[in-house]
Amino acid sequence: MGPDPVERREMVFSYLTLRKTIGILGMALPFVVYLGALIFFDTGMQKSISGYYHTGMRDVFVGTLCVIGFFLLSYRGYDRLDDMAGDLACVFAVGVALFPTAPGHAASRGACIVGFVHLAFAALFFMTLICFSLFLFTRTDANRQPSRKKLQRNRVYRACGYAMSVCILMIVVCPLLPDEVAVRVRAYEPVFWLEAVAIVSFGISWLTKGQAILGDDT
């Protein structure tokens, strides 16, 4: 026997709340670590969001990623593919938290190896989030006509997925810039801002999935 209507509504509410929570945590992360480090520890902007691991905001950075990972592990979608993507995203998010980026100065060989593992987890994490936005969130029940709001949400998902993709591509390109250009660009900490845009895009996508944006009419 399936769940009664009240239980079904509670399950839908729980799933929507879970998705909204993931979105809010994601969107808040870059601003919380930046402002927290600046206000409470008088620490300037780091070269990347991961760089805040080496500041007084370490616990906030690690804790937020682990909480996001836990919620992603709890995520359940249409089928096993969604579940697997959530499980993998959890592993990658926790990996980003527990394997810190190499410190900016005088990094040991061991720290550089751990930093490489961190980069691998970060790349896989963003690839999974892009997959969610471009391929999983946009799916529609073949037996139902998508609503106008669903079609609008699909456009938001794709925009967020493309924004994340462009940001990650630009992060890869930054180290390849000619020296005279790179010196000027680095003054603006482009990796931090590109990561921030990518994470905010991730947050918007999940908020939309939770119908905090363009929710269906009830």
Protein backbone atom coordinates (compact mmCIF):
# COMPACT_ATOMS: atom_id res chain seq x y z
CA MET A 1 0.00 0.00 0.00
CA GLY A 2 1.41 3.39 -0.99
CA PRO A 3 1.55 6.46 1.22
CA ASP A 4 -1.73 8.26 1.91
CA PRO A 5 -2.26 11.81 0.53
CA VAL A 6 -1.02 13.47 3.74
CA GLU A 7 2.15 11.37 3.82
CA ARG A 8 2.70 12.05 0.14
CA ARG A 9 2.44 15.81 0.67
CA GLU A 10 4.88 15.59 3.58
CA MET A 11 7.35 13.64 1.43
CA VAL A 12 7.10 16.22 -1.37
CA PHE A 13 7.59 19.02 1.16
CA SER A 14 10.64 17.24 2.60
CA TYR A 15 12.22 16.75 -0.83
CA LEU A 16 11.59 20.38 -1.80
CA THR A 17 13.00 21.60 1.52
CA LEU A 18 16.09 19.42 1.08
CA ARG A 19 16.74 20.87 -2.38
CA LYS A 20 16.24 24.43 -1.13
CA THR A 21 18.63 23.82 1.76
CA ILE A 22 21.32 22.52 -0.60
CA GLY A 23 20.84 25.62 -2.76
CA ILE A 24 21.00 28.05 0.14
CA LEU A 25 24.13 26.47 1.62
CA GLY A 26 25.84 26.50 -1.77
CA MET A 27 25.01 30.13 -2.48
CA ALA A 28 26.06 31.25 1.00
CA LEU A 29 29.44 29.50 1.14
CA PRO A 30 31.67 31.96 -0.80
CA PHE A 31 30.20 35.01 0.94
CA VAL A 32 30.28 33.50 4.43
CA VAL A 33 33.94 32.45 4.26
CA TYR A 34 35.03 35.72 2.65
CA LEU A 35 33.15 38.03 5.03
CA GLY A 36 33.88 35.86 8.07
CA ALA A 37 37.62 35.87 7.38
CA LEU A 38 37.60 39.61 6.73
CA ILE A 39 35.48 40.63 9.73
CA PHE A 40 36.61 38.20 12.42
CA PHE A 41 40.20 37.42 11.41
CA ASP A 42 41.20 40.48 9.36
CA THR A 43 42.14 38.12 6.52
CA GLY A 44 41.96 39.36 2.95
CA MET A 45 40.51 37.61 -0.07
CA GLN A 46 42.11 34.26 -0.85
CA LYS A 47 43.07 33.09 -4.31
CA SER A 48 40.29 30.52 -4.23
CA ILE A 49 37.38 29.56 -2.00
CA SER A 50 39.32 26.44 -1.04
CA GLY A 51 42.10 28.72 0.22
CA TYR A 52 39.91 29.59 3.19
CA TYR A 53 40.81 26.18 4.59
CA HIS A 54 44.08 27.81 5.65
CA THR A 55 42.36 30.71 7.42
CA GLY A 56 40.29 31.08 10.57
CA MET A 57 37.24 30.05 8.52
CA ARG A 58 38.51 26.48 8.09
CA ASP A 59 35.82 24.89 10.24
CA VAL A 60 33.05 26.79 8.45
CA PHE A 61 34.43 25.80 5.04
CA VAL A 62 34.82 22.12 5.97
CA GLY A 63 31.57 21.96 7.90
CA THR A 64 29.48 23.54 5.14
CA LEU A 65 30.85 21.19 2.50
CA CYS A 66 30.24 18.17 4.72
CA VAL A 67 26.66 19.27 5.39
CA ILE A 68 26.09 19.80 1.66
CA GLY A 69 27.54 16.35 1.09
CA PHE A 70 25.20 14.80 3.67
CA PHE A 71 22.18 16.44 2.05
CA LEU A 72 23.30 15.29 -1.39
CA LEU A 73 23.58 11.75 -0.01
CA SER A 74 19.98 12.08 1.21
CA TYR A 75 18.77 13.34 -2.16
CA ARG A 76 16.42 11.08 -4.06
CA GLY A 77 15.30 11.79 -7.61
CA TYR A 78 13.31 10.02 -10.27
CA ASP A 79 15.41 6.88 -10.47
CA ARG A 80 18.67 5.20 -9.57
CA LEU A 81 20.67 7.54 -11.84
CA ASP A 82 19.67 10.55 -9.72
CA ASP A 83 20.49 8.64 -6.54
CA MET A 84 23.92 7.63 -7.84
CA ALA A 85 24.69 11.21 -8.87
CA GLY A 86 23.74 12.43 -5.39
CA ASP A 87 25.89 9.76 -3.74
CA LEU A 88 28.88 10.63 -5.95
CA ALA A 89 28.43 14.35 -5.35
CA CYS A 90 28.47 13.62 -1.61
CA VAL A 91 31.77 11.74 -1.88
CA PHE A 92 33.32 14.51 -3.98
CA ALA A 93 32.08 17.32 -1.69
CA VAL A 94 33.47 15.58 1.41
CA GLY A 95 36.70 14.90 -0.51
CA VAL A 96 37.05 18.62 -1.27
CA ALA A 97 36.59 19.35 2.44
CA LEU A 98 38.93 16.71 3.86
CA PHE A 99 41.77 16.99 1.31
CA PRO A 100 42.76 20.67 1.50
CA THR A 101 44.23 22.70 -1.30
CA ALA A 102 47.98 23.26 -1.04
CA PRO A 103 48.94 26.39 0.91
CA GLY A 104 50.08 29.30 -1.20
CA HIS A 105 53.63 29.46 0.15
CA ALA A 106 56.28 26.89 1.06
CA ALA A 107 54.04 23.90 0.44
CA SER A 108 55.67 20.57 1.21
CA ARG A 109 55.67 17.69 -1.27
CA GLY A 110 52.99 15.93 0.77
CA ALA A 111 50.82 19.05 0.83
CA CYS A 112 51.16 19.36 -2.94
CA ILE A 113 50.04 15.74 -3.41
CA VAL A 114 47.03 16.33 -1.14
CA GLY A 115 46.35 19.52 -3.07
CA PHE A 116 46.28 17.57 -6.32
CA VAL A 117 43.75 15.16 -4.80
CA HIS A 118 41.72 18.19 -3.71
CA LEU A 119 41.68 19.53 -7.28
CA ALA A 120 40.55 16.14 -8.60
CA PHE A 121 37.67 16.00 -6.10
CA ALA A 122 36.71 19.61 -6.89
CA ALA A 123 36.66 18.95 -10.64
CA LEU A 124 34.54 15.82 -10.19
CA PHE A 125 32.21 17.65 -7.80
CA PHE A 126 31.53 20.43 -10.30
CA MET A 127 31.16 17.97 -13.16
CA THR A 128 28.48 16.16 -11.16
CA LEU A 129 26.69 19.43 -10.38
CA ILE A 130 26.78 20.36 -14.06
CA CYS A 131 25.32 16.95 -14.89
CA PHE A 132 22.49 17.59 -12.43
CA SER A 133 21.63 20.94 -14.01
CA LEU A 134 21.96 20.01 -17.68
CA PHE A 135 20.74 16.43 -17.78
CA LEU A 136 18.96 15.28 -14.61
CA PHE A 137 16.92 18.28 -13.50
CA THR A 138 15.67 18.91 -17.04
CA ARG A 139 14.13 15.46 -17.44
CA THR A 140 10.35 15.27 -17.73
CA ASP A 141 7.94 12.39 -17.20
CA ALA A 142 7.32 10.94 -20.65
CA ASN A 143 3.68 10.29 -19.73
CA ARG A 144 2.96 13.89 -18.76
CA GLN A 145 2.93 17.17 -20.63
CA PRO A 146 5.47 19.51 -18.99
CA SER A 147 3.88 22.57 -17.40
CA ARG A 148 4.80 26.11 -18.38
CA LYS A 149 6.67 26.52 -15.09
CA LYS A 150 8.57 23.28 -15.68
CA LEU A 151 9.74 24.53 -19.08
CA GLN A 152 10.82 27.79 -17.47
CA ARG A 153 12.68 25.91 -14.75
CA ASN A 154 14.45 23.86 -17.42
CA ARG A 155 15.79 27.07 -18.92
CA VAL A 156 17.11 28.10 -15.50
CA TYR A 157 18.76 24.69 -15.01
CA ARG A 158 20.48 24.92 -18.39
CA ALA A 159 21.62 28.49 -17.80
CA CYS A 160 23.13 27.45 -14.45
CA GLY A 161 24.77 24.39 -15.99
CA TYR A 162 26.30 26.43 -18.80
CA ALA A 163 27.45 29.12 -16.33
CA MET A 164 29.20 26.49 -14.20
CA SER A 165 30.78 24.96 -17.31
CA VAL A 166 32.12 28.31 -18.53
CA CYS A 167 33.49 29.18 -15.09
CA ILE A 168 35.34 25.88 -14.74
CA LEU A 169 36.73 26.22 -18.27
CA MET A 170 37.97 29.73 -17.48
CA ILE A 171 39.63 28.51 -14.28
CA VAL A 172 41.52 25.96 -16.38
CA VAL A 173 42.48 28.64 -18.92
CA CYS A 174 43.74 31.20 -16.37
CA PRO A 175 47.14 29.51 -15.76
CA LEU A 176 47.68 29.33 -19.53
CA LEU A 177 47.46 33.08 -20.09
CA PRO A 178 50.56 34.94 -21.30
CA ASP A 179 52.64 36.28 -18.41
CA GLU A 180 51.93 39.95 -19.08
CA VAL A 181 48.18 39.28 -19.13
CA ALA A 182 48.26 36.87 -16.21
CA VAL A 183 49.93 39.44 -13.91
CA ARG A 184 47.11 41.92 -14.50
CA VAL A 185 44.35 39.33 -14.20
CA ARG A 186 45.66 37.75 -10.99
CA ALA A 187 45.35 41.08 -9.17
CA TYR A 188 41.58 40.57 -9.24
CA GLU A 189 41.68 36.99 -7.85
CA PRO A 190 39.80 35.53 -10.85
CA VAL A 191 39.72 31.96 -9.53
CA PHE A 192 37.85 33.03 -6.39
CA TRP A 193 35.25 34.94 -8.39
CA LEU A 194 34.84 32.22 -11.00
CA GLU A 195 34.37 29.63 -8.26
CA ALA A 196 31.90 31.94 -6.54
CA VAL A 197 29.84 32.37 -9.72
CA ALA A 198 29.90 28.60 -10.29
CA ILE A 199 28.76 27.87 -6.73
CA VAL A 200 26.03 30.52 -6.84
CA SER A 201 24.84 28.99 -10.12
CA PHE A 202 24.76 25.61 -8.40
CA GLY A 203 22.71 27.16 -5.59
CA ILE A 204 20.23 28.80 -7.96
CA SER A 205 19.77 25.51 -9.80
CA TRP A 206 18.94 23.65 -6.58
CA LEU A 207 16.70 26.43 -5.28
CA THR A 208 14.82 26.19 -8.56
CA LYS A 209 14.60 22.42 -8.19
CA GLY A 210 13.13 23.01 -4.75
CA GLN A 211 10.62 25.36 -6.41
CA ALA A 212 11.71 28.35 -4.37
CA ILE A 213 12.03 29.84 -7.88
CA LEU A 214 9.30 29.31 -10.50
CA GLY A 215 7.35 26.92 -8.29
CA ASP A 216 4.29 25.16 -9.64
CA ASP A 217 0.95 26.78 -8.92
CA THR A 218 -0.97 25.04 -6.16
